[in-house]
Amino acid sequence: MAKTENLKIIRMLTGEEIIAEIVVDSGEKLSIKNPLRIVVMPNKADPQQPTVGLAPFMQFSEEKELTLNKNHVTFTATPINEFVNQYTAMFGGLVVPPASKILTP
């Protein structure tokens, strides 16, 4: 279950923005859980209003918890409710049952 009180947007020196649960915030390290990248994409219907979504961060890793060097973090911020709701939907512990293999007429 996602703990929304520990949910933060983290801006990296590279310009990447991620949203994650902060597990430990020590002097030099920031341990995070279930990080997602915040992705801004062009909106073909209205180029003035880009589309924003969440995508896997480190999608080729099996790790669900990472430790960041705080020297690589520019700031952290509290996410807006829409991001909290989307994040919670992704990591809120909702279990989707597997598709049935029973064929019905």
PDB file of N, CA and C in Angstrom:
ATOM      1  N   MET A   1       0.841  -1.184   0.000  1.00  0.00           N
ATOM      2  CA  MET A   1       0.000   0.000   0.000  1.00  0.00           C
ATOM      3  C   MET A   1       0.884   1.244   0.000  1.00  0.00           C
ATOM      4  N   ALA A   2       0.613   2.159  -0.862  1.00  0.00           N
ATOM      5  CA  ALA A   2       1.398   3.395  -0.948  1.00  0.00           C
ATOM      6  C   ALA A   2       1.091   4.290   0.242  1.00  0.00           C
ATOM      7  N   LYS A   3       2.144   4.839   0.842  1.00  0.00           N
ATOM      8  CA  LYS A   3       1.980   5.780   1.943  1.00  0.00           C
ATOM      9  C   LYS A   3       2.062   7.182   1.364  1.00  0.00           C
ATOM     10  N   THR A   4       0.929   7.825   1.212  1.00  0.00           N
ATOM     11  CA  THR A   4       0.897   9.104   0.516  1.00  0.00           C
ATOM     12  C   THR A   4       1.555  10.228   1.300  1.00  0.00           C
ATOM     13  N   GLU A   5       1.661  10.109   2.624  1.00  0.00           N
ATOM     14  CA  GLU A   5       2.327  11.171   3.384  1.00  0.00           C
ATOM     15  C   GLU A   5       3.825  11.201   3.120  1.00  0.00           C
ATOM     16  N   ASN A   6       4.398  10.113   2.633  1.00  0.00           N
ATOM     17  CA  ASN A   6       5.825  10.048   2.299  1.00  0.00           C
ATOM     18  C   ASN A   6       6.074  10.213   0.797  1.00  0.00           C
ATOM     19  N   LEU A   7       5.035  10.496   0.042  1.00  0.00           N
ATOM     20  CA  LEU A   7       5.146  10.605  -1.407  1.00  0.00           C
ATOM     21  C   LEU A   7       5.672  11.984  -1.788  1.00  0.00           C
ATOM     22  N   LYS A   8       6.755  12.006  -2.592  1.00  0.00           N
ATOM     23  CA  LYS A   8       7.381  13.267  -2.987  1.00  0.00           C
ATOM     24  C   LYS A   8       7.776  13.237  -4.451  1.00  0.00           C
ATOM     25  N   ILE A   9       7.814  14.412  -5.053  1.00  0.00           N
ATOM     26  CA  ILE A   9       8.429  14.590  -6.361  1.00  0.00           C
ATOM     27  C   ILE A   9       9.883  14.935  -6.098  1.00  0.00           C
ATOM     28  N   ILE A  10      10.777  14.269  -6.802  1.00  0.00           N
ATOM     29  CA  ILE A  10      12.217  14.468  -6.621  1.00  0.00           C
ATOM     30  C   ILE A  10      12.786  14.958  -7.943  1.00  0.00           C
ATOM     31  N   ARG A  11      13.420  16.112  -7.907  1.00  0.00           N
ATOM     32  CA  ARG A  11      14.052  16.664  -9.114  1.00  0.00           C
ATOM     33  C   ARG A  11      15.536  16.350  -9.055  1.00  0.00           C
ATOM     34  N   MET A  12      16.027  15.671 -10.086  1.00  0.00           N
ATOM     35  CA  MET A  12      17.420  15.277 -10.159  1.00  0.00           C
ATOM     36  C   MET A  12      18.237  16.362 -10.866  1.00  0.00           C
ATOM     37  N   LEU A  13      19.541  16.359 -10.663  1.00  0.00           N
ATOM     38  CA  LEU A  13      20.420  17.307 -11.349  1.00  0.00           C
ATOM     39  C   LEU A  13      20.317  17.185 -12.869  1.00  0.00           C
ATOM     40  N   THR A  14      19.986  16.009 -13.352  1.00  0.00           N
ATOM     41  CA  THR A  14      19.859  15.768 -14.789  1.00  0.00           C
ATOM     42  C   THR A  14      18.606  16.413 -15.371  1.00  0.00           C
ATOM     43  N   GLY A  15      17.701  16.897 -14.499  1.00  0.00           N
ATOM     44  CA  GLY A  15      16.445  17.476 -14.947  1.00  0.00           C
ATOM     45  C   GLY A  15      15.287  16.498 -14.862  1.00  0.00           C
ATOM     46  N   GLU A  16      15.590  15.224 -14.661  1.00  0.00           N
ATOM     47  CA  GLU A  16      14.524  14.235 -14.512  1.00  0.00           C
ATOM     48  C   GLU A  16      13.732  14.529 -13.248  1.00  0.00           C
ATOM     49  N   GLU A  17      12.430  14.295 -13.328  1.00  0.00           N
ATOM     50  CA  GLU A  17      11.578  14.394 -12.155  1.00  0.00           C
ATOM     51  C   GLU A  17      10.958  13.032 -11.936  1.00  0.00           C
ATOM     52  N   ILE A  18      11.058  12.560 -10.702  1.00  0.00           N
ATOM     53  CA  ILE A  18      10.462  11.271 -10.353  1.00  0.00           C
ATOM     54  C   ILE A  18       9.534  11.473  -9.164  1.00  0.00           C
ATOM     55  N   ILE A  19       8.588  10.568  -9.028  1.00  0.00           N
ATOM     56  CA  ILE A  19       7.701  10.564  -7.888  1.00  0.00           C
ATOM     57  C   ILE A  19       7.914   9.224  -7.201  1.00  0.00           C
ATOM     58  N   ALA A  20       8.075   9.261  -5.876  1.00  0.00           N
ATOM     59  CA  ALA A  20       8.373   8.038  -5.135  1.00  0.00           C
ATOM     60  C   ALA A  20       8.034   8.225  -3.665  1.00  0.00           C
ATOM     61  N   GLU A  21       7.912   7.099  -2.976  1.00  0.00           N
ATOM     62  CA  GLU A  21       7.765   7.126  -1.525  1.00  0.00           C
ATOM     63  C   GLU A  21       9.162   7.248  -0.925  1.00  0.00           C
ATOM     64  N   ILE A  22       9.353   8.202  -0.040  1.00  0.00           N
ATOM     65  CA  ILE A  22      10.638   8.341   0.638  1.00  0.00           C
ATOM     66  C   ILE A  22      10.619   7.437   1.863  1.00  0.00           C
ATOM     67  N   VAL A  23      11.575   6.511   1.895  1.00  0.00           N
ATOM     68  CA  VAL A  23      11.684   5.554   2.989  1.00  0.00           C
ATOM     69  C   VAL A  23      12.592   6.116   4.077  1.00  0.00           C
ATOM     70  N   VAL A  24      13.778   6.620   3.674  1.00  0.00           N
ATOM     71  CA  VAL A  24      14.745   7.201   4.613  1.00  0.00           C
ATOM     72  C   VAL A  24      15.344   8.441   3.972  1.00  0.00           C
ATOM     73  N   ASP A  25      15.363   9.530   4.735  1.00  0.00           N
ATOM     74  CA  ASP A  25      16.000  10.769   4.289  1.00  0.00           C
ATOM     75  C   ASP A  25      17.103  11.079   5.289  1.00  0.00           C
ATOM     76  N   SER A  26      18.334  10.664   4.942  1.00  0.00           N
ATOM     77  CA  SER A  26      19.470  10.907   5.834  1.00  0.00           C
ATOM     78  C   SER A  26      20.276  12.085   5.301  1.00  0.00           C
ATOM     79  N   GLY A  27      21.352  12.402   5.952  1.00  0.00           N
ATOM     80  CA  GLY A  27      22.158  13.547   5.551  1.00  0.00           C
ATOM     81  C   GLY A  27      22.681  13.491   4.131  1.00  0.00           C
ATOM     82  N   GLU A  28      23.134  12.337   3.676  1.00  0.00           N
ATOM     83  CA  GLU A  28      23.754  12.226   2.349  1.00  0.00           C
ATOM     84  C   GLU A  28      22.983  11.353   1.381  1.00  0.00           C
ATOM     85  N   LYS A  29      22.058  10.566   1.869  1.00  0.00           N
ATOM     86  CA  LYS A  29      21.348   9.598   1.030  1.00  0.00           C
ATOM     87  C   LYS A  29      19.837   9.791   1.149  1.00  0.00           C
ATOM     88  N   LEU A  30      19.155   9.391   0.078  1.00  0.00           N
ATOM     89  CA  LEU A  30      17.701   9.413   0.041  1.00  0.00           C
ATOM     90  C   LEU A  30      17.261   8.046  -0.456  1.00  0.00           C
ATOM     91  N   SER A  31      16.651   7.255   0.418  1.00  0.00           N
ATOM     92  CA  SER A  31      16.149   5.939   0.028  1.00  0.00           C
ATOM     93  C   SER A  31      14.698   6.090  -0.397  1.00  0.00           C
ATOM     94  N   ILE A  32      14.391   5.581  -1.596  1.00  0.00           N
ATOM     95  CA  ILE A  32      13.048   5.711  -2.148  1.00  0.00           C
ATOM     96  C   ILE A  32      12.487   4.353  -2.539  1.00  0.00           C
ATOM     97  N   LYS A  33      11.159   4.290  -2.625  1.00  0.00           N
ATOM     98  CA  LYS A  33      10.473   3.045  -2.963  1.00  0.00           C
ATOM     99  C   LYS A  33       9.503   3.313  -4.105  1.00  0.00           C
ATOM    100  N   ASN A  34       9.411   2.395  -5.035  1.00  0.00           N
ATOM    101  CA  ASN A  34       8.491   2.453  -6.173  1.00  0.00           C
ATOM    102  C   ASN A  34       8.590   3.761  -6.963  1.00  0.00           C
ATOM    103  N   PRO A  35       9.787   4.102  -7.447  1.00  0.00           N
ATOM    104  CA  PRO A  35       9.928   5.356  -8.192  1.00  0.00           C
ATOM    105  C   PRO A  35       9.320   5.279  -9.598  1.00  0.00           C
ATOM    106  N   LEU A  36       8.730   6.390 -10.018  1.00  0.00           N
ATOM    107  CA  LEU A  36       8.194   6.537 -11.366  1.00  0.00           C
ATOM    108  C   LEU A  36       8.691   7.849 -11.947  1.00  0.00           C
ATOM    109  N   ARG A  37       8.972   7.859 -13.251  1.00  0.00           N
ATOM    110  CA  ARG A  37       9.354   9.096 -13.936  1.00  0.00           C
ATOM    111  C   ARG A  37       8.104   9.890 -14.262  1.00  0.00           C
ATOM    112  N   ILE A  38       8.196  11.193 -14.162  1.00  0.00           N
ATOM    113  CA  ILE A  38       7.125  12.069 -14.621  1.00  0.00           C
ATOM    114  C   ILE A  38       7.475  12.437 -16.053  1.00  0.00           C
ATOM    115  N   VAL A  39       6.598  12.075 -16.964  1.00  0.00           N
ATOM    116  CA  VAL A  39       6.864  12.236 -18.396  1.00  0.00           C
ATOM    117  C   VAL A  39       5.885  13.253 -18.980  1.00  0.00           C
ATOM    118  N   VAL A  40       6.430  14.235 -19.678  1.00  0.00           N
ATOM    119  CA  VAL A  40       5.615  15.228 -20.373  1.00  0.00           C
ATOM    120  C   VAL A  40       5.674  14.911 -21.865  1.00  0.00           C
ATOM    121  N   MET A  41       4.493  14.746 -22.472  1.00  0.00           N
ATOM    122  CA  MET A  41       4.407  14.386 -23.880  1.00  0.00           C
ATOM    123  C   MET A  41       3.552  15.418 -24.616  1.00  0.00           C
ATOM    124  N   PRO A  42       3.828  15.638 -25.885  1.00  0.00           N
ATOM    125  CA  PRO A  42       2.995  16.574 -26.649  1.00  0.00           C
ATOM    126  C   PRO A  42       1.577  16.036 -26.808  1.00  0.00           C
ATOM    127  N   ASN A  43       0.640  16.933 -26.817  1.00  0.00           N
ATOM    128  CA  ASN A  43      -0.762  16.587 -27.012  1.00  0.00           C
ATOM    129  C   ASN A  43      -1.137  16.973 -28.436  1.00  0.00           C
ATOM    130  N   LYS A  44      -1.413  15.992 -29.276  1.00  0.00           N
ATOM    131  CA  LYS A  44      -1.717  16.274 -30.681  1.00  0.00           C
ATOM    132  C   LYS A  44      -3.011  17.065 -30.833  1.00  0.00           C
ATOM    133  N   ALA A  45      -3.970  16.827 -29.940  1.00  0.00           N
ATOM    134  CA  ALA A  45      -5.248  17.529 -30.032  1.00  0.00           C
ATOM    135  C   ALA A  45      -5.108  19.003 -29.667  1.00  0.00           C
ATOM    136  N   ASP A  46      -4.248  19.300 -28.670  1.00  0.00           N
ATOM    137  CA  ASP A  46      -4.061  20.691 -28.235  1.00  0.00           C
ATOM    138  C   ASP A  46      -2.588  20.890 -27.873  1.00  0.00           C
ATOM    139  N   PRO A  47      -1.765  21.355 -28.810  1.00  0.00           N
ATOM    140  CA  PRO A  47      -0.328  21.514 -28.563  1.00  0.00           C
ATOM    141  C   PRO A  47      -0.001  22.463 -27.398  1.00  0.00           C
ATOM    142  N   GLN A  48      -0.949  23.326 -27.014  1.00  0.00           N
ATOM    143  CA  GLN A  48      -0.715  24.252 -25.902  1.00  0.00           C
ATOM    144  C   GLN A  48      -0.850  23.569 -24.544  1.00  0.00           C
ATOM    145  N   GLN A  49      -1.480  22.400 -24.500  1.00  0.00           N
ATOM    146  CA  GLN A  49      -1.695  21.663 -23.261  1.00  0.00           C
ATOM    147  C   GLN A  49      -1.029  20.288 -23.344  1.00  0.00           C
ATOM    148  N   PRO A  50       0.227  20.164 -22.911  1.00  0.00           N
ATOM    149  CA  PRO A  50       0.900  18.857 -22.991  1.00  0.00           C
ATOM    150  C   PRO A  50       0.250  17.833 -22.061  1.00  0.00           C
ATOM    151  N   THR A  51       0.455  16.576 -22.383  1.00  0.00           N
ATOM    152  CA  THR A  51      -0.034  15.468 -21.581  1.00  0.00           C
ATOM    153  C   THR A  51       1.058  15.057 -20.597  1.00  0.00           C
ATOM    154  N   VAL A  52       0.684  14.793 -19.367  1.00  0.00           N
ATOM    155  CA  VAL A  52       1.639  14.381 -18.347  1.00  0.00           C
ATOM    156  C   VAL A  52       1.234  12.993 -17.855  1.00  0.00           C
ATOM    157  N   GLY A  53       2.226  12.117 -17.712  1.00  0.00           N
ATOM    158  CA  GLY A  53       1.956  10.773 -17.238  1.00  0.00           C
ATOM    159  C   GLY A  53       3.098  10.244 -16.394  1.00  0.00           C
ATOM    160  N   LEU A  54       2.907   9.068 -15.839  1.00  0.00           N
ATOM    161  CA  LEU A  54       3.921   8.408 -15.025  1.00  0.00           C
ATOM    162  C   LEU A  54       4.401   7.162 -15.756  1.00  0.00           C
ATOM    163  N   ALA A  55       5.718   6.974 -15.774  1.00  0.00           N
ATOM    164  CA  ALA A  55       6.330   5.838 -16.459  1.00  0.00           C
ATOM    165  C   ALA A  55       7.351   5.199 -15.525  1.00  0.00           C
ATOM    166  N   PRO A  56       7.671   3.928 -15.739  1.00  0.00           N
ATOM    167  CA  PRO A  56       8.660   3.274 -14.875  1.00  0.00           C
ATOM    168  C   PRO A  56      10.001   4.002 -14.875  1.00  0.00           C
ATOM    169  N   PHE A  57      10.593   4.087 -13.709  1.00  0.00           N
ATOM    170  CA  PHE A  57      11.951   4.611 -13.548  1.00  0.00           C
ATOM    171  C   PHE A  57      12.830   3.401 -13.334  1.00  0.00           C
ATOM    172  N   MET A  58      13.913   3.284 -14.092  1.00  0.00           N
ATOM    173  CA  MET A  58      14.777   2.099 -14.046  1.00  0.00           C
ATOM    174  C   MET A  58      13.970   0.852 -14.426  1.00  0.00           C
ATOM    175  N   GLN A  59      13.286   0.945 -15.583  1.00  0.00           N
ATOM    176  CA  GLN A  59      12.371  -0.113 -15.984  1.00  0.00           C
ATOM    177  C   GLN A  59      13.034  -1.460 -16.240  1.00  0.00           C
ATOM    178  N   PHE A  60      14.343  -1.502 -16.364  1.00  0.00           N
ATOM    179  CA  PHE A  60      15.023  -2.766 -16.622  1.00  0.00           C
ATOM    180  C   PHE A  60      15.618  -3.363 -15.356  1.00  0.00           C
ATOM    181  N   SER A  61      15.279  -2.796 -14.213  1.00  0.00           N
ATOM    182  CA  SER A  61      15.775  -3.281 -12.934  1.00  0.00           C
ATOM    183  C   SER A  61      14.648  -3.946 -12.158  1.00  0.00           C
ATOM    184  N   GLU A  62      14.988  -4.959 -11.393  1.00  0.00           N
ATOM    185  CA  GLU A  62      14.003  -5.613 -10.533  1.00  0.00           C
ATOM    186  C   GLU A  62      13.887  -4.910  -9.180  1.00  0.00           C
ATOM    187  N   GLU A  63      14.776  -3.969  -8.915  1.00  0.00           N
ATOM    188  CA  GLU A  63      14.776  -3.277  -7.630  1.00  0.00           C
ATOM    189  C   GLU A  63      13.532  -2.404  -7.491  1.00  0.00           C
ATOM    190  N   LYS A  64      12.894  -2.472  -6.340  1.00  0.00           N
ATOM    191  CA  LYS A  64      11.749  -1.614  -6.039  1.00  0.00           C
ATOM    192  C   LYS A  64      12.138  -0.491  -5.081  1.00  0.00           C
ATOM    193  N   GLU A  65      13.313  -0.631  -4.456  1.00  0.00           N
ATOM    194  CA  GLU A  65      13.841   0.413  -3.578  1.00  0.00           C
ATOM    195  C   GLU A  65      15.226   0.803  -4.069  1.00  0.00           C
ATOM    196  N   LEU A  66      15.470   2.114  -4.119  1.00  0.00           N
ATOM    197  CA  LEU A  66      16.751   2.641  -4.578  1.00  0.00           C
ATOM    198  C   LEU A  66      17.268   3.654  -3.561  1.00  0.00           C
ATOM    199  N   THR A  67      18.576   3.833  -3.539  1.00  0.00           N
ATOM    200  CA  THR A  67      19.178   4.852  -2.698  1.00  0.00           C
ATOM    201  C   THR A  67      19.857   5.870  -3.606  1.00  0.00           C
ATOM    202  N   LEU A  68      19.453   7.128  -3.453  1.00  0.00           N
ATOM    203  CA  LEU A  68      20.008   8.215  -4.248  1.00  0.00           C
ATOM    204  C   LEU A  68      21.007   9.003  -3.420  1.00  0.00           C
ATOM    205  N   ASN A  69      22.061   9.465  -4.056  1.00  0.00           N
ATOM    206  CA  ASN A  69      22.993  10.380  -3.421  1.00  0.00           C
ATOM    207  C   ASN A  69      22.333  11.753  -3.450  1.00  0.00           C
ATOM    208  N   LYS A  70      22.179  12.397  -2.304  1.00  0.00           N
ATOM    209  CA  LYS A  70      21.482  13.684  -2.251  1.00  0.00           C
ATOM    210  C   LYS A  70      22.227  14.790  -2.996  1.00  0.00           C
ATOM    211  N   ASN A  71      23.505  14.560  -3.328  1.00  0.00           N
ATOM    212  CA  ASN A  71      24.229  15.525  -4.155  1.00  0.00           C
ATOM    213  C   ASN A  71      23.670  15.582  -5.574  1.00  0.00           C
ATOM    214  N   HIS A  72      22.892  14.568  -5.957  1.00  0.00           N
ATOM    215  CA  HIS A  72      22.308  14.500  -7.294  1.00  0.00           C
ATOM    216  C   HIS A  72      20.847  14.944  -7.308  1.00  0.00           C
ATOM    217  N   VAL A  73      20.344  15.376  -6.151  1.00  0.00           N
ATOM    218  CA  VAL A  73      18.957  15.819  -6.018  1.00  0.00           C
ATOM    219  C   VAL A  73      18.950  17.336  -5.839  1.00  0.00           C
ATOM    220  N   THR A  74      18.164  18.036  -6.657  1.00  0.00           N
ATOM    221  CA  THR A  74      18.101  19.490  -6.503  1.00  0.00           C
ATOM    222  C   THR A  74      17.046  19.907  -5.490  1.00  0.00           C
ATOM    223  N   PHE A  75      15.891  19.209  -5.483  1.00  0.00           N
ATOM    224  CA  PHE A  75      14.871  19.491  -4.469  1.00  0.00           C
ATOM    225  C   PHE A  75      13.827  18.389  -4.448  1.00  0.00           C
ATOM    226  N   THR A  76      13.003  18.392  -3.403  1.00  0.00           N
ATOM    227  CA  THR A  76      11.836  17.524  -3.320  1.00  0.00           C
ATOM    228  C   THR A  76      10.617  18.412  -3.100  1.00  0.00           C
ATOM    229  N   ALA A  77       9.458  17.933  -3.539  1.00  0.00           N
ATOM    230  CA  ALA A  77       8.226  18.713  -3.405  1.00  0.00           C
ATOM    231  C   ALA A  77       7.038  17.772  -3.215  1.00  0.00           C
ATOM    232  N   THR A  78       5.982  18.302  -2.655  1.00  0.00           N
ATOM    233  CA  THR A  78       4.749  17.550  -2.460  1.00  0.00           C
ATOM    234  C   THR A  78       3.974  17.520  -3.782  1.00  0.00           C
ATOM    235  N   PRO A  79       3.564  16.329  -4.246  1.00  0.00           N
ATOM    236  CA  PRO A  79       2.851  16.236  -5.522  1.00  0.00           C
ATOM    237  C   PRO A  79       1.403  16.725  -5.422  1.00  0.00           C
ATOM    238  N   ILE A  80       0.858  17.119  -6.571  1.00  0.00           N
ATOM    239  CA  ILE A  80      -0.548  17.505  -6.631  1.00  0.00           C
ATOM    240  C   ILE A  80      -1.425  16.263  -6.476  1.00  0.00           C
ATOM    241  N   ASN A  81      -2.694  16.465  -6.125  1.00  0.00           N
ATOM    242  CA  ASN A  81      -3.606  15.345  -5.858  1.00  0.00           C
ATOM    243  C   ASN A  81      -3.757  14.399  -7.035  1.00  0.00           C
ATOM    244  N   GLU A  82      -3.746  14.918  -8.264  1.00  0.00           N
ATOM    245  CA  GLU A  82      -3.893  14.050  -9.436  1.00  0.00           C
ATOM    246  C   GLU A  82      -2.749  13.045  -9.518  1.00  0.00           C
ATOM    247  N   PHE A  83      -1.529  13.479  -9.193  1.00  0.00           N
ATOM    248  CA  PHE A  83      -0.386  12.561  -9.196  1.00  0.00           C
ATOM    249  C   PHE A  83      -0.488  11.569  -8.048  1.00  0.00           C
ATOM    250  N   VAL A  84      -0.915  12.034  -6.887  1.00  0.00           N
ATOM    251  CA  VAL A  84      -1.081  11.137  -5.734  1.00  0.00           C
ATOM    252  C   VAL A  84      -2.097  10.053  -6.082  1.00  0.00           C
ATOM    253  N   ASN A  85      -3.211  10.432  -6.688  1.00  0.00           N
ATOM    254  CA  ASN A  85      -4.249   9.456  -7.050  1.00  0.00           C
ATOM    255  C   ASN A  85      -3.755   8.463  -8.084  1.00  0.00           C
ATOM    256  N   GLN A  86      -3.022   8.939  -9.095  1.00  0.00           N
ATOM    257  CA  GLN A  86      -2.508   8.033 -10.120  1.00  0.00           C
ATOM    258  C   GLN A  86      -1.466   7.086  -9.533  1.00  0.00           C
ATOM    259  N   TYR A  87      -0.572   7.606  -8.695  1.00  0.00           N
ATOM    260  CA  TYR A  87       0.451   6.787  -8.051  1.00  0.00           C
ATOM    261  C   TYR A  87      -0.196   5.730  -7.161  1.00  0.00           C
ATOM    262  N   THR A  88      -1.170   6.150  -6.364  1.00  0.00           N
ATOM    263  CA  THR A  88      -1.859   5.230  -5.458  1.00  0.00           C
ATOM    264  C   THR A  88      -2.572   4.140  -6.237  1.00  0.00           C
ATOM    265  N   ALA A  89      -3.162   4.490  -7.369  1.00  0.00           N
ATOM    266  CA  ALA A  89      -3.822   3.475  -8.201  1.00  0.00           C
ATOM    267  C   ALA A  89      -2.822   2.449  -8.714  1.00  0.00           C
ATOM    268  N   MET A  90      -1.582   2.901  -8.981  1.00  0.00           N
ATOM    269  CA  MET A  90      -0.566   1.989  -9.506  1.00  0.00           C
ATOM    270  C   MET A  90       0.039   1.107  -8.414  1.00  0.00           C
ATOM    271  N   PHE A  91       0.195   1.645  -7.198  1.00  0.00           N
ATOM    272  CA  PHE A  91       0.874   0.915  -6.128  1.00  0.00           C
ATOM    273  C   PHE A  91       0.007   0.721  -4.897  1.00  0.00           C
ATOM    274  N   GLY A  92      -1.282   0.912  -5.026  1.00  0.00           N
ATOM    275  CA  GLY A  92      -2.162   0.860  -3.867  1.00  0.00           C
ATOM    276  C   GLY A  92      -2.505  -0.523  -3.370  1.00  0.00           C
ATOM    277  N   GLY A  93      -1.921  -1.544  -3.946  1.00  0.00           N
ATOM    278  CA  GLY A  93      -2.179  -2.894  -3.458  1.00  0.00           C
ATOM    279  C   GLY A  93      -3.399  -3.549  -4.087  1.00  0.00           C
ATOM    280  N   LEU A  94      -3.952  -2.939  -5.118  1.00  0.00           N
ATOM    281  CA  LEU A  94      -5.087  -3.524  -5.807  1.00  0.00           C
ATOM    282  C   LEU A  94      -4.623  -4.760  -6.558  1.00  0.00           C
ATOM    283  N   VAL A  95      -5.265  -5.885  -6.304  1.00  0.00           N
ATOM    284  CA  VAL A  95      -4.895  -7.141  -6.955  1.00  0.00           C
ATOM    285  C   VAL A  95      -5.886  -7.410  -8.070  1.00  0.00           C
ATOM    286  N   VAL A  96      -5.372  -7.572  -9.271  1.00  0.00           N
ATOM    287  CA  VAL A  96      -6.221  -7.895 -10.425  1.00  0.00           C
ATOM    288  C   VAL A  96      -6.138  -9.384 -10.640  1.00  0.00           C
ATOM    289  N   PRO A  97      -7.278 -10.076 -10.581  1.00  0.00           N
ATOM    290  CA  PRO A  97      -7.237 -11.525 -10.765  1.00  0.00           C
ATOM    291  C   PRO A  97      -6.845 -11.887 -12.186  1.00  0.00           C
ATOM    292  N   PRO A  98      -6.186 -13.052 -12.359  1.00  0.00           N
ATOM    293  CA  PRO A  98      -5.792 -13.459 -13.704  1.00  0.00           C
ATOM    294  C   PRO A  98      -7.031 -13.753 -14.539  1.00  0.00           C
ATOM    295  N   ALA A  99      -6.891 -13.632 -15.847  1.00  0.00           N
ATOM    296  CA  ALA A  99      -8.000 -13.894 -16.762  1.00  0.00           C
ATOM    297  C   ALA A  99      -8.394 -15.369 -16.680  1.00  0.00           C
ATOM    298  N   SER A 100      -9.673 -15.600 -16.720  1.00  0.00           N
ATOM    299  CA  SER A 100     -10.191 -16.967 -16.660  1.00  0.00           C
ATOM    300  C   SER A 100      -9.864 -17.711 -17.947  1.00  0.00           C
ATOM    301  N   LYS A 101      -9.531 -18.995 -17.813  1.00  0.00           N
ATOM    302  CA  LYS A 101      -9.247 -19.814 -18.990  1.00  0.00           C
ATOM    303  C   LYS A 101     -10.467 -20.631 -19.383  1.00  0.00           C
ATOM    304  N   ILE A 102     -11.567 -20.380 -18.704  1.00  0.00           N
ATOM    305  CA  ILE A 102     -12.800 -21.101 -19.004  1.00  0.00           C
ATOM    306  C   ILE A 102     -13.524 -20.380 -20.131  1.00  0.00           C
ATOM    307  N   LEU A 103     -13.843 -21.110 -21.179  1.00  0.00           N
ATOM    308  CA  LEU A 103     -14.553 -20.530 -22.303  1.00  0.00           C
ATOM    309  C   LEU A 103     -16.045 -20.752 -22.098  1.00  0.00           C
ATOM    310  N   THR A 104     -16.811 -19.701 -22.274  1.00  0.00           N
ATOM    311  CA  THR A 104     -18.255 -19.820 -22.136  1.00  0.00           C
ATOM    312  C   THR A 104     -18.909 -19.550 -23.476  1.00  0.00           C
ATOM    313  N   PRO A 105     -20.033 -20.210 -23.734  1.00  0.00           N
ATOM    314  CA  PRO A 105     -20.712 -20.019 -25.041  1.00  0.00           C
ATOM    315  C   PRO A 105     -21.358 -18.654 -25.134  1.00  0.00           C
TER     316      PRO A 105
END
